Amino acid sequence: MKNILVLDDNKYILDALSANLCYYLGDCNIMTALNGAKGEDVLRTTPVDLILTDIDMPVEKGYEFIEHAKKNYPGVPVCVMTGDCSPSVREKLEALGVTRYIEKPFQYDKLVSMITEELKLRTAQQDEPGQA
């Protein structure tokens, strides 16, 4: 069973994401956090296979959370959902090592496809000799 951490500051969006991802992905455990600080709490206590985060959040912004996750949990892929996929946002995400992002509002099939591809890539990397 895959553990997926989803961060968004809108509780209604977070609840909908959780329910829909469970439905579309099947065998997964969706953990949620309303901001980056709460997301860090989850990362400290639970192994996570993938992070899906919004950027614009209170307490700890998405960029700060991504930087923390990439530094402290480098093997965990990070996907981003955002209302702003402007070139400057994409450049900033890519500088942080994030190559998968989707613009809100999105279609769930596209979100699920992005997550599934990233999980398959991570599994393939883990299966390579000499990889953790």
N, C-alpha and C. Protein backbone atom coordinates (compact mmCIF):
# COMPACT_ATOMS: atom_id res chain seq x y z
N MET A 1 0.85 -1.18 0.00
CA MET A 1 0.00 0.00 0.00
C MET A 1 0.89 1.24 0.00
N LYS A 2 0.60 2.17 -0.89
CA LYS A 2 1.37 3.40 -1.01
C LYS A 2 0.81 4.46 -0.07
N ASN A 3 1.71 5.20 0.57
CA ASN A 3 1.33 6.34 1.41
C ASN A 3 1.54 7.62 0.62
N ILE A 4 0.48 8.38 0.45
CA ILE A 4 0.55 9.64 -0.27
C ILE A 4 0.14 10.76 0.67
N LEU A 5 1.00 11.76 0.78
CA LEU A 5 0.73 12.93 1.61
C LEU A 5 0.24 14.05 0.71
N VAL A 6 -0.94 14.58 1.02
CA VAL A 6 -1.56 15.65 0.24
C VAL A 6 -1.70 16.88 1.12
N LEU A 7 -1.19 18.02 0.61
CA LEU A 7 -1.25 19.28 1.34
C LEU A 7 -2.04 20.32 0.57
N ASP A 8 -3.00 20.93 1.24
CA ASP A 8 -3.74 22.06 0.70
C ASP A 8 -4.37 22.79 1.88
N ASP A 9 -4.40 24.11 1.83
CA ASP A 9 -4.93 24.86 2.95
C ASP A 9 -6.46 24.95 2.94
N ASN A 10 -7.10 24.48 1.88
CA ASN A 10 -8.55 24.47 1.81
C ASN A 10 -9.05 23.09 2.21
N LYS A 11 -9.71 23.01 3.36
CA LYS A 11 -10.15 21.72 3.89
C LYS A 11 -11.11 21.01 2.94
N TYR A 12 -11.97 21.75 2.26
CA TYR A 12 -12.93 21.13 1.34
C TYR A 12 -12.20 20.50 0.15
N ILE A 13 -11.22 21.21 -0.38
CA ILE A 13 -10.42 20.67 -1.48
C ILE A 13 -9.65 19.44 -0.99
N LEU A 14 -9.08 19.54 0.19
CA LEU A 14 -8.30 18.44 0.76
C LEU A 14 -9.16 17.19 0.94
N ASP A 15 -10.37 17.37 1.47
CA ASP A 15 -11.28 16.23 1.66
C ASP A 15 -11.68 15.62 0.32
N ALA A 16 -11.96 16.47 -0.67
CA ALA A 16 -12.33 15.97 -2.00
C ALA A 16 -11.15 15.23 -2.64
N LEU A 17 -9.97 15.79 -2.53
CA LEU A 17 -8.77 15.14 -3.08
C LEU A 17 -8.57 13.77 -2.44
N SER A 18 -8.68 13.73 -1.13
CA SER A 18 -8.48 12.48 -0.41
C SER A 18 -9.46 11.41 -0.87
N ALA A 19 -10.73 11.75 -0.93
CA ALA A 19 -11.76 10.79 -1.34
C ALA A 19 -11.55 10.35 -2.79
N ASN A 20 -11.29 11.29 -3.67
CA ASN A 20 -11.14 10.95 -5.09
C ASN A 20 -9.87 10.17 -5.36
N LEU A 21 -8.78 10.50 -4.70
CA LEU A 21 -7.54 9.75 -4.90
C LEU A 21 -7.69 8.32 -4.39
N CYS A 22 -8.35 8.15 -3.26
CA CYS A 22 -8.60 6.79 -2.77
C CYS A 22 -9.42 6.01 -3.79
N TYR A 23 -10.41 6.65 -4.36
CA TYR A 23 -11.26 5.99 -5.35
C TYR A 23 -10.47 5.64 -6.61
N TYR A 24 -9.76 6.60 -7.16
CA TYR A 24 -9.07 6.39 -8.44
C TYR A 24 -7.79 5.56 -8.32
N LEU A 25 -7.08 5.69 -7.21
CA LEU A 25 -5.81 4.97 -7.06
C LEU A 25 -5.99 3.61 -6.40
N GLY A 26 -7.10 3.41 -5.71
CA GLY A 26 -7.34 2.11 -5.09
C GLY A 26 -6.49 1.87 -3.86
N ASP A 27 -5.50 1.03 -3.98
CA ASP A 27 -4.71 0.56 -2.85
C ASP A 27 -3.70 1.61 -2.41
N CYS A 28 -4.19 2.62 -1.70
CA CYS A 28 -3.30 3.66 -1.19
C CYS A 28 -3.86 4.23 0.10
N ASN A 29 -2.98 4.84 0.85
CA ASN A 29 -3.35 5.50 2.08
C ASN A 29 -3.09 6.99 1.87
N ILE A 30 -4.15 7.80 1.92
CA ILE A 30 -4.01 9.22 1.71
C ILE A 30 -3.96 9.91 3.08
N MET A 31 -2.86 10.61 3.31
CA MET A 31 -2.71 11.40 4.53
C MET A 31 -2.79 12.86 4.12
N THR A 32 -3.39 13.69 4.95
CA THR A 32 -3.59 15.09 4.56
C THR A 32 -3.00 16.04 5.60
N ALA A 33 -2.69 17.25 5.11
CA ALA A 33 -2.19 18.31 5.99
C ALA A 33 -2.65 19.64 5.42
N LEU A 34 -3.04 20.55 6.31
CA LEU A 34 -3.55 21.85 5.89
C LEU A 34 -2.45 22.89 5.64
N ASN A 35 -1.21 22.55 5.97
CA ASN A 35 -0.10 23.46 5.70
C ASN A 35 1.22 22.68 5.79
N GLY A 36 2.30 23.36 5.43
CA GLY A 36 3.60 22.70 5.40
C GLY A 36 4.08 22.23 6.76
N ALA A 37 3.79 22.99 7.80
CA ALA A 37 4.23 22.58 9.15
C ALA A 37 3.56 21.26 9.55
N LYS A 38 2.27 21.14 9.26
CA LYS A 38 1.57 19.88 9.57
C LYS A 38 2.07 18.76 8.65
N GLY A 39 2.44 19.10 7.42
CA GLY A 39 3.01 18.12 6.51
C GLY A 39 4.33 17.59 7.02
N GLU A 40 5.15 18.48 7.60
CA GLU A 40 6.42 18.05 8.19
C GLU A 40 6.18 17.08 9.33
N ASP A 41 5.14 17.33 10.12
CA ASP A 41 4.80 16.41 11.22
C ASP A 41 4.51 15.01 10.68
N VAL A 42 3.76 14.94 9.59
CA VAL A 42 3.44 13.64 8.99
C VAL A 42 4.73 12.96 8.51
N LEU A 43 5.58 13.72 7.82
CA LEU A 43 6.83 13.14 7.30
C LEU A 43 7.72 12.59 8.40
N ARG A 44 7.70 13.24 9.56
CA ARG A 44 8.54 12.77 10.68
C ARG A 44 8.04 11.45 11.26
N THR A 45 6.75 11.18 11.11
CA THR A 45 6.18 10.01 11.80
C THR A 45 5.77 8.86 10.89
N THR A 46 5.67 9.11 9.58
CA THR A 46 5.14 8.10 8.67
C THR A 46 5.96 8.05 7.38
N PRO A 47 6.35 6.85 6.93
CA PRO A 47 7.01 6.76 5.62
C PRO A 47 6.02 7.16 4.51
N VAL A 48 6.50 8.00 3.61
CA VAL A 48 5.65 8.53 2.54
C VAL A 48 6.26 8.14 1.19
N ASP A 49 5.40 7.71 0.26
CA ASP A 49 5.84 7.32 -1.08
C ASP A 49 5.77 8.46 -2.08
N LEU A 50 4.90 9.45 -1.81
CA LEU A 50 4.75 10.58 -2.72
C LEU A 50 4.09 11.73 -1.98
N ILE A 51 4.49 12.95 -2.34
CA ILE A 51 3.89 14.16 -1.79
C ILE A 51 3.20 14.91 -2.92
N LEU A 52 1.96 15.33 -2.67
CA LEU A 52 1.22 16.19 -3.58
C LEU A 52 0.88 17.44 -2.79
N THR A 53 1.42 18.59 -3.23
CA THR A 53 1.23 19.80 -2.44
C THR A 53 0.79 20.99 -3.27
N ASP A 54 0.02 21.85 -2.63
CA ASP A 54 -0.30 23.16 -3.17
C ASP A 54 0.89 24.07 -2.84
N ILE A 55 0.95 25.21 -3.48
CA ILE A 55 2.04 26.15 -3.20
C ILE A 55 1.60 27.24 -2.23
N ASP A 56 0.43 27.79 -2.46
CA ASP A 56 -0.04 28.93 -1.68
C ASP A 56 -0.77 28.46 -0.43
N MET A 57 -0.02 28.39 0.69
CA MET A 57 -0.59 27.95 1.96
C MET A 57 -0.07 28.84 3.09
N PRO A 58 -0.83 28.94 4.18
CA PRO A 58 -0.35 29.71 5.33
C PRO A 58 0.64 28.89 6.16
N VAL A 59 1.17 29.48 7.17
CA VAL A 59 2.09 28.90 8.15
C VAL A 59 3.44 28.59 7.51
N GLU A 60 3.48 27.64 6.63
CA GLU A 60 4.69 27.35 5.88
C GLU A 60 4.28 27.21 4.42
N LYS A 61 4.77 28.08 3.59
CA LYS A 61 4.39 28.09 2.18
C LYS A 61 4.85 26.81 1.49
N GLY A 62 4.20 26.50 0.38
CA GLY A 62 4.52 25.30 -0.37
C GLY A 62 5.97 25.22 -0.79
N TYR A 63 6.54 26.35 -1.24
CA TYR A 63 7.94 26.34 -1.66
C TYR A 63 8.86 25.94 -0.50
N GLU A 64 8.58 26.49 0.68
CA GLU A 64 9.39 26.16 1.87
C GLU A 64 9.23 24.69 2.23
N PHE A 65 8.01 24.20 2.14
CA PHE A 65 7.78 22.79 2.44
C PHE A 65 8.50 21.90 1.44
N ILE A 66 8.43 22.24 0.16
CA ILE A 66 9.11 21.46 -0.87
C ILE A 66 10.61 21.44 -0.60
N GLU A 67 11.17 22.59 -0.29
CA GLU A 67 12.61 22.66 0.00
C GLU A 67 12.97 21.76 1.18
N HIS A 68 12.16 21.79 2.23
CA HIS A 68 12.38 20.93 3.40
C HIS A 68 12.29 19.45 3.00
N ALA A 69 11.24 19.10 2.25
CA ALA A 69 11.03 17.70 1.86
C ALA A 69 12.18 17.20 0.98
N LYS A 70 12.60 18.00 0.02
CA LYS A 70 13.68 17.59 -0.89
C LYS A 70 15.00 17.42 -0.13
N LYS A 71 15.23 18.26 0.86
CA LYS A 71 16.47 18.19 1.63
C LYS A 71 16.47 17.00 2.59
N ASN A 72 15.37 16.79 3.27
CA ASN A 72 15.32 15.77 4.33
C ASN A 72 14.78 14.42 3.89
N TYR A 73 14.07 14.38 2.77
CA TYR A 73 13.47 13.14 2.26
C TYR A 73 13.70 13.08 0.74
N PRO A 74 14.96 13.04 0.33
CA PRO A 74 15.28 13.19 -1.10
C PRO A 74 14.71 12.08 -1.99
N GLY A 75 14.40 10.94 -1.45
CA GLY A 75 13.85 9.86 -2.26
C GLY A 75 12.36 9.94 -2.49
N VAL A 76 11.70 10.88 -1.83
CA VAL A 76 10.25 11.00 -1.94
C VAL A 76 9.91 12.01 -3.04
N PRO A 77 9.23 11.56 -4.10
CA PRO A 77 8.87 12.49 -5.17
C PRO A 77 7.83 13.50 -4.71
N VAL A 78 7.93 14.70 -5.27
CA VAL A 78 7.01 15.78 -4.95
C VAL A 78 6.31 16.22 -6.24
N CYS A 79 4.99 16.21 -6.21
CA CYS A 79 4.17 16.74 -7.30
C CYS A 79 3.44 17.97 -6.76
N VAL A 80 3.18 18.92 -7.64
CA VAL A 80 2.57 20.17 -7.22
C VAL A 80 1.28 20.42 -7.98
N MET A 81 0.30 20.95 -7.24
CA MET A 81 -0.93 21.45 -7.86
C MET A 81 -1.00 22.93 -7.51
N THR A 82 -1.27 23.76 -8.50
CA THR A 82 -1.25 25.19 -8.27
C THR A 82 -2.21 25.90 -9.21
N GLY A 83 -2.68 27.04 -8.78
CA GLY A 83 -3.52 27.87 -9.62
C GLY A 83 -2.70 28.75 -10.55
N ASP A 84 -1.39 28.71 -10.41
CA ASP A 84 -0.50 29.56 -11.21
C ASP A 84 0.64 28.74 -11.77
N CYS A 85 0.55 28.39 -13.04
CA CYS A 85 1.63 27.66 -13.71
C CYS A 85 2.39 28.59 -14.66
N SER A 86 2.59 29.82 -14.23
CA SER A 86 3.32 30.78 -15.05
C SER A 86 4.77 30.32 -15.21
N PRO A 87 5.47 30.85 -16.20
CA PRO A 87 6.87 30.46 -16.40
C PRO A 87 7.73 30.68 -15.15
N SER A 88 7.50 31.76 -14.41
CA SER A 88 8.32 32.00 -13.21
C SER A 88 8.06 30.94 -12.14
N VAL A 89 6.81 30.51 -12.01
CA VAL A 89 6.48 29.45 -11.04
C VAL A 89 7.11 28.14 -11.47
N ARG A 90 6.99 27.81 -12.75
CA ARG A 90 7.59 26.56 -13.26
C ARG A 90 9.11 26.57 -13.07
N GLU A 91 9.74 27.70 -13.33
CA GLU A 91 11.20 27.80 -13.13
C GLU A 91 11.57 27.58 -11.67
N LYS A 92 10.80 28.19 -10.77
CA LYS A 92 11.08 28.04 -9.34
C LYS A 92 10.90 26.58 -8.91
N LEU A 93 9.84 25.94 -9.40
CA LEU A 93 9.59 24.53 -9.06
C LEU A 93 10.72 23.65 -9.58
N GLU A 94 11.11 23.87 -10.82
CA GLU A 94 12.18 23.07 -11.41
C GLU A 94 13.51 23.28 -10.68
N ALA A 95 13.75 24.51 -10.21
CA ALA A 95 14.96 24.78 -9.43
C ALA A 95 14.95 24.00 -8.11
N LEU A 96 13.76 23.71 -7.60
CA LEU A 96 13.62 22.92 -6.38
C LEU A 96 13.61 21.41 -6.66
N GLY A 97 13.67 21.05 -7.94
CA GLY A 97 13.68 19.63 -8.29
C GLY A 97 12.30 19.04 -8.56
N VAL A 98 11.30 19.89 -8.73
CA VAL A 98 9.94 19.42 -9.01
C VAL A 98 9.71 19.52 -10.52
N THR A 99 9.43 18.39 -11.14
CA THR A 99 9.18 18.39 -12.57
C THR A 99 7.75 18.02 -12.92
N ARG A 100 6.97 17.64 -11.93
CA ARG A 100 5.58 17.28 -12.19
C ARG A 100 4.67 18.24 -11.43
N TYR A 101 3.86 18.96 -12.21
CA TYR A 101 2.92 19.90 -11.61
C TYR A 101 1.69 19.96 -12.49
N ILE A 102 0.58 20.34 -11.88
CA ILE A 102 -0.69 20.42 -12.59
C ILE A 102 -1.39 21.69 -12.15
N GLU A 103 -2.05 22.34 -13.10
CA GLU A 103 -2.72 23.60 -12.81
C GLU A 103 -4.16 23.36 -12.36
N LYS A 104 -4.56 24.08 -11.32
CA LYS A 104 -5.94 24.04 -10.83
C LYS A 104 -6.77 24.96 -11.71
N PRO A 105 -8.01 24.67 -11.98
CA PRO A 105 -8.67 23.39 -11.69
C PRO A 105 -8.18 22.32 -12.66
N PHE A 106 -8.11 21.09 -12.19
CA PHE A 106 -7.60 20.00 -13.01
C PHE A 106 -8.64 18.91 -13.13
N GLN A 107 -8.43 18.03 -14.08
CA GLN A 107 -9.26 16.85 -14.22
C GLN A 107 -8.59 15.73 -13.42
N TYR A 108 -9.39 14.97 -12.69
CA TYR A 108 -8.82 13.94 -11.83
C TYR A 108 -8.05 12.89 -12.61
N ASP A 109 -8.47 12.57 -13.83
CA ASP A 109 -7.74 11.56 -14.59
C ASP A 109 -6.31 12.03 -14.89
N LYS A 110 -6.14 13.32 -15.13
CA LYS A 110 -4.79 13.85 -15.38
C LYS A 110 -3.96 13.86 -14.09
N LEU A 111 -4.58 14.21 -12.98
CA LEU A 111 -3.88 14.17 -11.69
C LEU A 111 -3.46 12.75 -11.35
N VAL A 112 -4.37 11.83 -11.50
CA VAL A 112 -4.08 10.42 -11.19
C VAL A 112 -2.98 9.89 -12.10
N SER A 113 -3.02 10.26 -13.36
CA SER A 113 -1.97 9.84 -14.29
C SER A 113 -0.61 10.36 -13.85
N MET A 114 -0.54 11.62 -13.46
CA MET A 114 0.71 12.21 -12.99
C MET A 114 1.24 11.46 -11.77
N ILE A 115 0.38 11.19 -10.81
CA ILE A 115 0.78 10.50 -9.59
C ILE A 115 1.22 9.07 -9.91
N THR A 116 0.45 8.37 -10.73
CA THR A 116 0.78 6.99 -11.09
C THR A 116 2.13 6.91 -11.79
N GLU A 117 2.38 7.81 -12.72
CA GLU A 117 3.66 7.83 -13.42
C GLU A 117 4.82 8.06 -12.46
N GLU A 118 4.63 8.98 -11.53
CA GLU A 118 5.70 9.29 -10.57
C GLU A 118 5.95 8.12 -9.63
N LEU A 119 4.89 7.43 -9.20
CA LEU A 119 5.06 6.26 -8.33
C LEU A 119 5.76 5.13 -9.08
N LYS A 120 5.42 4.93 -10.35
CA LYS A 120 6.08 3.90 -11.15
C LYS A 120 7.56 4.21 -11.32
N LEU A 121 7.87 5.48 -11.57
CA LEU A 121 9.26 5.90 -11.72
C LEU A 121 10.03 5.65 -10.43
N ARG A 122 9.43 5.98 -9.30
CA ARG A 122 10.09 5.77 -8.01
C ARG A 122 10.33 4.28 -7.76
N THR A 123 9.35 3.45 -8.08
CA THR A 123 9.49 2.01 -7.89
C THR A 123 10.60 1.47 -8.78
N ALA A 124 10.66 1.92 -10.02
CA ALA A 124 11.70 1.48 -10.95
C ALA A 124 13.09 1.89 -10.45
N GLN A 125 13.20 3.10 -9.89
CA GLN A 125 14.48 3.57 -9.36
C GLN A 125 14.90 2.75 -8.15
N GLN A 126 13.95 2.37 -7.32
CA GLN A 126 14.25 1.58 -6.14
C GLN A 126 14.68 0.15 -6.52
N ASP A 127 14.17 -0.33 -7.65
CA ASP A 127 14.49 -1.68 -8.09
C ASP A 127 15.85 -1.77 -8.78
N GLU A 128 16.44 -0.62 -9.13
CA GLU A 128 17.75 -0.64 -9.78
C GLU A 128 18.82 -1.09 -8.79
N PRO A 129 19.79 -1.88 -9.25
CA PRO A 129 20.86 -2.31 -8.35
C PRO A 129 21.60 -1.11 -7.78
N GLY A 130 21.86 -1.18 -6.49
CA GLY A 130 22.60 -0.11 -5.81
C GLY A 130 21.75 1.04 -5.38
N GLN A 131 20.43 0.98 -5.60
CA GLN A 131 19.52 2.06 -5.19
C GLN A 131 18.84 1.70 -3.89
N ALA A 132 18.55 2.73 -3.09
CA ALA A 132 17.85 2.52 -1.82
C ALA A 132 16.37 2.59 -2.00
